Amino acid sequence: MTEWTRSLDERDLERHPVWRFDDAREGQVPVTEIDPVEYVDDPLMIKARLRTSDGVELSGCIVGYESYYAFLVFLNGKSYGFNKSLQSGILENRDELAKALGKPDLQLFPLEYSTGLEHGDGSPIEGVLNFRTDT
């Protein structure tokens, strides 16, 4: 039986660093072939180290493939989600994360990410996310 979860958390990413959404299960299933990470039909959730523009180191995951449009931050057993398509929640979630960190002036973007993994073409899965927060 395939392992799966409805709500991905930090422990899941410790067991398997790459997950994909499974429509049939309405949840995430682990991707076992990750050397390199190959494209699948569904968005991937890839464990990542995140660094804010003001130097705060966070753990989480990025969502997408080659173009990442969302990410999760895990802190003290809670997750904070950010989605480029849901801009109205970005500032609210940033403020909640800043409060949890005890850093009210948190500068989240640009946000650097690195995974230690590679795409199928050999390029590292790392980069910078910079979501708009003016809406």
N, C-alpha and C. Protein backbone atom coordinates (compact mmCIF):
# COMPACT_ATOMS: atom_id res chain seq x y z
N MET A 1 0.84 -1.19 0.00
CA MET A 1 0.00 0.00 0.00
C MET A 1 0.88 1.25 0.00
N THR A 2 0.53 2.22 -0.81
CA THR A 2 1.30 3.45 -0.91
C THR A 2 1.03 4.36 0.28
N GLU A 3 2.10 4.89 0.85
CA GLU A 3 1.98 5.86 1.93
C GLU A 3 1.40 7.15 1.36
N TRP A 4 0.55 7.84 2.13
CA TRP A 4 0.02 9.11 1.69
C TRP A 4 -0.43 9.92 2.90
N THR A 5 -0.68 11.21 2.69
CA THR A 5 -1.16 12.09 3.75
C THR A 5 -2.05 13.17 3.15
N ARG A 6 -3.00 13.61 3.91
CA ARG A 6 -3.85 14.73 3.47
C ARG A 6 -3.21 16.07 3.78
N SER A 7 -2.39 16.10 4.82
CA SER A 7 -1.78 17.36 5.25
C SER A 7 -0.30 17.13 5.51
N LEU A 8 0.52 17.56 4.58
CA LEU A 8 1.96 17.38 4.65
C LEU A 8 2.54 18.16 5.82
N ASP A 9 3.44 17.51 6.58
CA ASP A 9 4.09 18.22 7.68
C ASP A 9 5.59 17.95 7.65
N GLU A 10 6.28 18.54 8.59
CA GLU A 10 7.75 18.46 8.61
C GLU A 10 8.23 17.02 8.76
N ARG A 11 7.54 16.23 9.55
CA ARG A 11 7.94 14.81 9.74
C ARG A 11 7.84 14.05 8.43
N ASP A 12 6.78 14.33 7.64
CA ASP A 12 6.63 13.67 6.34
C ASP A 12 7.83 13.97 5.45
N LEU A 13 8.26 15.23 5.46
CA LEU A 13 9.39 15.64 4.62
C LEU A 13 10.72 15.08 5.13
N GLU A 14 10.80 14.74 6.40
CA GLU A 14 12.00 14.09 6.92
C GLU A 14 12.07 12.66 6.38
N ARG A 15 10.93 12.00 6.28
CA ARG A 15 10.89 10.63 5.75
C ARG A 15 11.10 10.59 4.25
N HIS A 16 10.47 11.51 3.53
CA HIS A 16 10.55 11.58 2.07
C HIS A 16 10.65 13.06 1.69
N PRO A 17 11.74 13.50 1.06
CA PRO A 17 11.91 14.92 0.76
C PRO A 17 11.09 15.44 -0.42
N VAL A 18 10.46 14.54 -1.20
CA VAL A 18 9.67 14.98 -2.34
C VAL A 18 8.32 14.26 -2.32
N TRP A 19 7.26 15.03 -2.49
CA TRP A 19 5.89 14.51 -2.52
C TRP A 19 5.17 15.09 -3.72
N ARG A 20 4.11 14.44 -4.15
CA ARG A 20 3.26 14.97 -5.23
C ARG A 20 1.81 14.81 -4.81
N PHE A 21 0.95 15.66 -5.40
CA PHE A 21 -0.47 15.58 -5.10
C PHE A 21 -1.09 14.45 -5.90
N ASP A 22 -1.91 13.65 -5.25
CA ASP A 22 -2.60 12.52 -5.88
C ASP A 22 -4.09 12.83 -5.87
N ASP A 23 -4.65 13.15 -7.05
CA ASP A 23 -6.08 13.50 -7.14
C ASP A 23 -6.98 12.40 -6.62
N ALA A 24 -6.65 11.16 -6.92
CA ALA A 24 -7.51 10.04 -6.51
C ALA A 24 -7.62 9.94 -5.00
N ARG A 25 -6.54 10.22 -4.31
CA ARG A 25 -6.55 10.15 -2.84
C ARG A 25 -6.87 11.50 -2.20
N GLU A 26 -6.87 12.56 -3.01
CA GLU A 26 -7.04 13.92 -2.49
C GLU A 26 -6.03 14.19 -1.38
N GLY A 27 -4.79 13.82 -1.65
CA GLY A 27 -3.72 14.02 -0.70
C GLY A 27 -2.38 13.87 -1.38
N GLN A 28 -1.31 13.87 -0.59
CA GLN A 28 0.04 13.79 -1.12
C GLN A 28 0.59 12.38 -0.95
N VAL A 29 1.38 11.95 -1.95
CA VAL A 29 2.08 10.67 -1.88
C VAL A 29 3.56 10.95 -2.12
N PRO A 30 4.45 10.14 -1.51
CA PRO A 30 5.88 10.39 -1.69
C PRO A 30 6.35 10.01 -3.08
N VAL A 31 7.34 10.75 -3.55
CA VAL A 31 8.02 10.44 -4.80
C VAL A 31 9.31 9.74 -4.38
N THR A 32 9.50 8.51 -4.83
CA THR A 32 10.65 7.75 -4.37
C THR A 32 11.87 7.88 -5.27
N GLU A 33 11.67 8.20 -6.54
CA GLU A 33 12.80 8.39 -7.45
C GLU A 33 13.15 9.87 -7.48
N ILE A 34 14.19 10.26 -6.71
CA ILE A 34 14.50 11.69 -6.59
C ILE A 34 15.93 12.02 -6.98
N ASP A 35 16.61 11.12 -7.63
CA ASP A 35 18.00 11.38 -8.00
C ASP A 35 18.19 11.18 -9.49
N PRO A 36 17.87 12.14 -10.33
CA PRO A 36 17.37 13.49 -10.02
C PRO A 36 15.84 13.51 -9.88
N VAL A 37 15.32 14.69 -9.51
CA VAL A 37 13.87 14.88 -9.40
C VAL A 37 13.32 15.10 -10.81
N GLU A 38 12.49 14.20 -11.26
CA GLU A 38 11.91 14.28 -12.60
C GLU A 38 10.50 14.87 -12.52
N TYR A 39 10.07 15.48 -13.61
CA TYR A 39 8.73 16.05 -13.69
C TYR A 39 7.68 14.95 -13.67
N VAL A 40 6.61 15.20 -12.94
CA VAL A 40 5.42 14.35 -12.97
C VAL A 40 4.25 15.27 -13.31
N ASP A 41 3.11 14.71 -13.59
CA ASP A 41 1.95 15.52 -14.00
C ASP A 41 1.42 16.44 -12.91
N ASP A 42 1.70 16.13 -11.68
CA ASP A 42 1.17 16.91 -10.57
C ASP A 42 2.27 17.76 -9.94
N PRO A 43 1.90 18.88 -9.30
CA PRO A 43 2.92 19.71 -8.62
C PRO A 43 3.65 18.89 -7.56
N LEU A 44 4.92 19.22 -7.38
CA LEU A 44 5.73 18.57 -6.36
C LEU A 44 5.85 19.47 -5.14
N MET A 45 5.99 18.84 -3.99
CA MET A 45 6.31 19.52 -2.74
C MET A 45 7.69 19.01 -2.35
N ILE A 46 8.68 19.90 -2.34
CA ILE A 46 10.08 19.52 -2.16
C ILE A 46 10.63 20.18 -0.89
N LYS A 47 11.16 19.35 -0.02
CA LYS A 47 11.76 19.85 1.21
C LYS A 47 12.83 20.88 0.87
N ALA A 48 12.83 22.00 1.60
CA ALA A 48 13.77 23.08 1.29
C ALA A 48 14.23 23.79 2.55
N ARG A 49 15.44 24.31 2.45
CA ARG A 49 15.94 25.25 3.45
C ARG A 49 15.63 26.63 2.91
N LEU A 50 15.05 27.46 3.75
CA LEU A 50 14.62 28.78 3.32
C LEU A 50 15.39 29.84 4.11
N ARG A 51 15.67 30.96 3.44
CA ARG A 51 16.37 32.07 4.10
C ARG A 51 15.72 33.37 3.68
N THR A 52 15.23 34.12 4.66
CA THR A 52 14.58 35.40 4.38
C THR A 52 15.63 36.44 3.99
N SER A 53 15.16 37.55 3.45
CA SER A 53 16.10 38.60 3.03
C SER A 53 16.85 39.21 4.21
N ASP A 54 16.30 39.08 5.43
CA ASP A 54 17.01 39.59 6.59
C ASP A 54 17.74 38.48 7.36
N GLY A 55 17.94 37.32 6.70
CA GLY A 55 18.82 36.30 7.23
C GLY A 55 18.21 35.25 8.14
N VAL A 56 16.90 35.21 8.29
CA VAL A 56 16.27 34.20 9.13
C VAL A 56 16.24 32.87 8.38
N GLU A 57 16.79 31.82 9.01
CA GLU A 57 16.82 30.47 8.42
C GLU A 57 15.56 29.72 8.86
N LEU A 58 14.87 29.11 7.88
CA LEU A 58 13.63 28.39 8.15
C LEU A 58 13.63 27.05 7.43
N SER A 59 12.82 26.12 7.91
CA SER A 59 12.64 24.86 7.19
C SER A 59 11.24 24.86 6.59
N GLY A 60 11.11 24.18 5.46
CA GLY A 60 9.81 24.13 4.81
C GLY A 60 9.86 23.33 3.54
N CYS A 61 9.00 23.70 2.60
CA CYS A 61 9.00 23.06 1.29
C CYS A 61 8.52 24.06 0.25
N ILE A 62 8.95 23.82 -0.99
CA ILE A 62 8.50 24.63 -2.13
C ILE A 62 7.53 23.78 -2.94
N VAL A 63 6.64 24.44 -3.68
CA VAL A 63 5.61 23.73 -4.44
C VAL A 63 5.67 24.15 -5.90
N GLY A 64 5.66 23.16 -6.79
CA GLY A 64 5.68 23.39 -8.23
C GLY A 64 6.67 22.44 -8.87
N TYR A 65 7.22 22.85 -10.00
CA TYR A 65 8.33 22.14 -10.64
C TYR A 65 8.96 23.12 -11.61
N GLU A 66 10.21 23.42 -11.42
CA GLU A 66 10.97 24.42 -12.16
C GLU A 66 10.47 25.82 -11.89
N SER A 67 9.19 26.04 -11.87
CA SER A 67 8.60 27.31 -11.47
C SER A 67 7.82 27.04 -10.18
N TYR A 68 8.25 27.67 -9.10
CA TYR A 68 7.64 27.40 -7.79
C TYR A 68 6.72 28.55 -7.43
N TYR A 69 5.47 28.21 -7.16
CA TYR A 69 4.43 29.22 -6.95
C TYR A 69 3.90 29.24 -5.52
N ALA A 70 4.39 28.35 -4.68
CA ALA A 70 3.93 28.32 -3.29
C ALA A 70 5.03 27.71 -2.43
N PHE A 71 4.95 27.97 -1.14
CA PHE A 71 5.86 27.33 -0.20
C PHE A 71 5.20 27.27 1.17
N LEU A 72 5.69 26.34 1.98
CA LEU A 72 5.27 26.20 3.36
C LEU A 72 6.48 26.40 4.25
N VAL A 73 6.25 27.03 5.39
CA VAL A 73 7.27 27.16 6.43
C VAL A 73 6.76 26.37 7.62
N PHE A 74 7.63 25.56 8.23
CA PHE A 74 7.28 24.79 9.42
C PHE A 74 8.01 25.39 10.62
N LEU A 75 7.24 25.70 11.66
CA LEU A 75 7.83 26.29 12.85
C LEU A 75 7.02 25.86 14.06
N ASN A 76 7.69 25.24 15.02
CA ASN A 76 7.07 24.83 16.27
C ASN A 76 5.78 24.03 16.07
N GLY A 77 5.82 23.07 15.15
CA GLY A 77 4.68 22.20 14.92
C GLY A 77 3.54 22.81 14.11
N LYS A 78 3.74 24.00 13.61
CA LYS A 78 2.70 24.68 12.83
C LYS A 78 3.24 24.97 11.43
N SER A 79 2.35 25.01 10.44
CA SER A 79 2.78 25.36 9.09
C SER A 79 2.17 26.70 8.68
N TYR A 80 2.94 27.44 7.91
CA TYR A 80 2.52 28.74 7.38
C TYR A 80 2.63 28.64 5.86
N GLY A 81 1.50 28.78 5.17
CA GLY A 81 1.48 28.61 3.73
C GLY A 81 1.44 29.93 2.98
N PHE A 82 2.17 29.98 1.87
CA PHE A 82 2.25 31.16 1.02
C PHE A 82 2.08 30.71 -0.42
N ASN A 83 1.11 31.31 -1.12
CA ASN A 83 0.81 30.94 -2.50
C ASN A 83 0.74 32.21 -3.33
N LYS A 84 1.53 32.23 -4.40
CA LYS A 84 1.59 33.40 -5.28
C LYS A 84 0.20 33.76 -5.82
N SER A 85 -0.66 32.76 -6.03
CA SER A 85 -2.00 32.99 -6.58
C SER A 85 -2.99 33.48 -5.53
N LEU A 86 -2.64 33.39 -4.26
CA LEU A 86 -3.53 33.83 -3.18
C LEU A 86 -2.86 34.97 -2.42
N GLN A 87 -2.64 36.06 -3.12
CA GLN A 87 -1.88 37.17 -2.56
C GLN A 87 -2.51 37.78 -1.31
N SER A 88 -3.83 37.68 -1.20
CA SER A 88 -4.48 38.29 -0.04
C SER A 88 -4.03 37.64 1.26
N GLY A 89 -3.60 36.39 1.23
CA GLY A 89 -3.16 35.72 2.45
C GLY A 89 -1.69 35.85 2.75
N ILE A 90 -0.91 36.36 1.81
CA ILE A 90 0.54 36.42 2.00
C ILE A 90 0.91 37.33 3.18
N LEU A 91 0.37 38.54 3.22
CA LEU A 91 0.71 39.46 4.31
C LEU A 91 0.23 38.94 5.66
N GLU A 92 -0.98 38.39 5.70
CA GLU A 92 -1.52 37.85 6.94
C GLU A 92 -0.66 36.70 7.46
N ASN A 93 -0.29 35.79 6.58
CA ASN A 93 0.54 34.66 6.99
C ASN A 93 1.94 35.10 7.38
N ARG A 94 2.47 36.09 6.66
CA ARG A 94 3.78 36.63 7.03
C ARG A 94 3.73 37.23 8.42
N ASP A 95 2.67 37.98 8.72
CA ASP A 95 2.54 38.59 10.04
C ASP A 95 2.43 37.53 11.14
N GLU A 96 1.70 36.43 10.87
CA GLU A 96 1.59 35.35 11.85
C GLU A 96 2.95 34.68 12.06
N LEU A 97 3.68 34.46 10.98
CA LEU A 97 5.00 33.86 11.08
C LEU A 97 5.95 34.79 11.84
N ALA A 98 5.90 36.08 11.52
CA ALA A 98 6.75 37.06 12.21
C ALA A 98 6.47 37.05 13.71
N LYS A 99 5.22 36.97 14.07
CA LYS A 99 4.85 36.93 15.50
C LYS A 99 5.40 35.67 16.16
N ALA A 100 5.26 34.52 15.48
CA ALA A 100 5.75 33.25 16.02
C ALA A 100 7.27 33.27 16.18
N LEU A 101 7.95 33.98 15.30
CA LEU A 101 9.41 34.09 15.36
C LEU A 101 9.87 35.15 16.37
N GLY A 102 8.92 35.99 16.81
CA GLY A 102 9.29 37.10 17.68
C GLY A 102 10.07 38.17 16.94
N LYS A 103 9.75 38.30 15.64
CA LYS A 103 10.47 39.24 14.77
C LYS A 103 9.43 40.04 13.98
N PRO A 104 8.83 41.07 14.60
CA PRO A 104 7.73 41.79 13.96
C PRO A 104 8.11 42.49 12.65
N ASP A 105 9.39 42.77 12.44
CA ASP A 105 9.82 43.44 11.21
C ASP A 105 10.35 42.45 10.18
N LEU A 106 9.92 41.20 10.23
CA LEU A 106 10.40 40.15 9.33
C LEU A 106 10.30 40.58 7.87
N GLN A 107 11.41 40.48 7.16
CA GLN A 107 11.46 40.76 5.72
C GLN A 107 11.53 39.41 5.01
N LEU A 108 10.38 38.88 4.64
CA LEU A 108 10.29 37.54 4.08
C LEU A 108 10.86 37.44 2.67
N PHE A 109 10.61 38.46 1.86
CA PHE A 109 11.02 38.42 0.45
C PHE A 109 12.12 39.43 0.17
N PRO A 110 12.99 39.12 -0.78
CA PRO A 110 13.08 37.87 -1.53
C PRO A 110 13.52 36.72 -0.62
N LEU A 111 12.98 35.53 -0.87
CA LEU A 111 13.20 34.35 -0.07
C LEU A 111 14.06 33.36 -0.86
N GLU A 112 15.24 33.06 -0.34
CA GLU A 112 16.11 32.08 -0.99
C GLU A 112 15.69 30.68 -0.57
N TYR A 113 15.78 29.73 -1.50
CA TYR A 113 15.51 28.33 -1.17
C TYR A 113 16.59 27.45 -1.77
N SER A 114 16.88 26.36 -1.05
CA SER A 114 17.80 25.35 -1.57
C SER A 114 17.32 24.00 -1.05
N THR A 115 17.52 22.97 -1.88
CA THR A 115 16.98 21.65 -1.55
C THR A 115 18.05 20.57 -1.45
N GLY A 116 19.20 20.78 -2.04
CA GLY A 116 20.20 19.73 -2.10
C GLY A 116 19.89 18.69 -3.18
N LEU A 117 18.85 18.93 -3.98
CA LEU A 117 18.45 18.01 -5.05
C LEU A 117 18.65 18.68 -6.40
N GLU A 118 18.52 17.88 -7.46
CA GLU A 118 18.69 18.40 -8.81
C GLU A 118 17.49 18.07 -9.68
N HIS A 119 17.25 18.93 -10.67
CA HIS A 119 16.27 18.66 -11.72
C HIS A 119 16.83 17.58 -12.63
N GLY A 120 15.98 17.06 -13.51
CA GLY A 120 16.40 16.04 -14.47
C GLY A 120 17.55 16.47 -15.36
N ASP A 121 17.68 17.77 -15.61
CA ASP A 121 18.77 18.26 -16.46
C ASP A 121 20.07 18.49 -15.69
N GLY A 122 20.07 18.16 -14.41
CA GLY A 122 21.27 18.32 -13.59
C GLY A 122 21.40 19.65 -12.88
N SER A 123 20.50 20.58 -13.16
CA SER A 123 20.57 21.88 -12.48
C SER A 123 20.05 21.77 -11.05
N PRO A 124 20.68 22.49 -10.13
CA PRO A 124 20.25 22.40 -8.73
C PRO A 124 18.86 23.00 -8.53
N ILE A 125 18.12 22.42 -7.62
CA ILE A 125 16.81 22.98 -7.26
C ILE A 125 17.06 23.98 -6.14
N GLU A 126 17.29 25.21 -6.56
CA GLU A 126 17.55 26.32 -5.65
C GLU A 126 17.22 27.61 -6.39
N GLY A 127 17.00 28.65 -5.65
CA GLY A 127 16.68 29.92 -6.28
C GLY A 127 16.10 30.91 -5.30
N VAL A 128 15.32 31.85 -5.84
CA VAL A 128 14.75 32.92 -5.04
C VAL A 128 13.27 33.08 -5.40
N LEU A 129 12.44 33.18 -4.38
CA LEU A 129 11.02 33.49 -4.56
C LEU A 129 10.80 34.93 -4.14
N ASN A 130 9.99 35.64 -4.92
CA ASN A 130 9.72 37.04 -4.58
C ASN A 130 8.27 37.32 -4.92
N PHE A 131 7.36 36.98 -4.01
CA PHE A 131 5.93 37.17 -4.24
C PHE A 131 5.54 38.61 -3.95
N ARG A 132 4.61 39.13 -4.73
CA ARG A 132 4.09 40.47 -4.50
C ARG A 132 3.32 40.49 -3.18
N THR A 133 3.47 41.58 -2.47
CA THR A 133 2.73 41.72 -1.20
C THR A 133 2.02 43.06 -1.13
N ASP A 134 1.79 43.67 -2.28
CA ASP A 134 1.17 45.01 -2.29
C ASP A 134 -0.32 44.97 -2.58
N THR A 135 -0.94 43.80 -2.56
CA THR A 135 -2.39 43.73 -2.83
C THR A 135 -3.14 43.20 -1.64
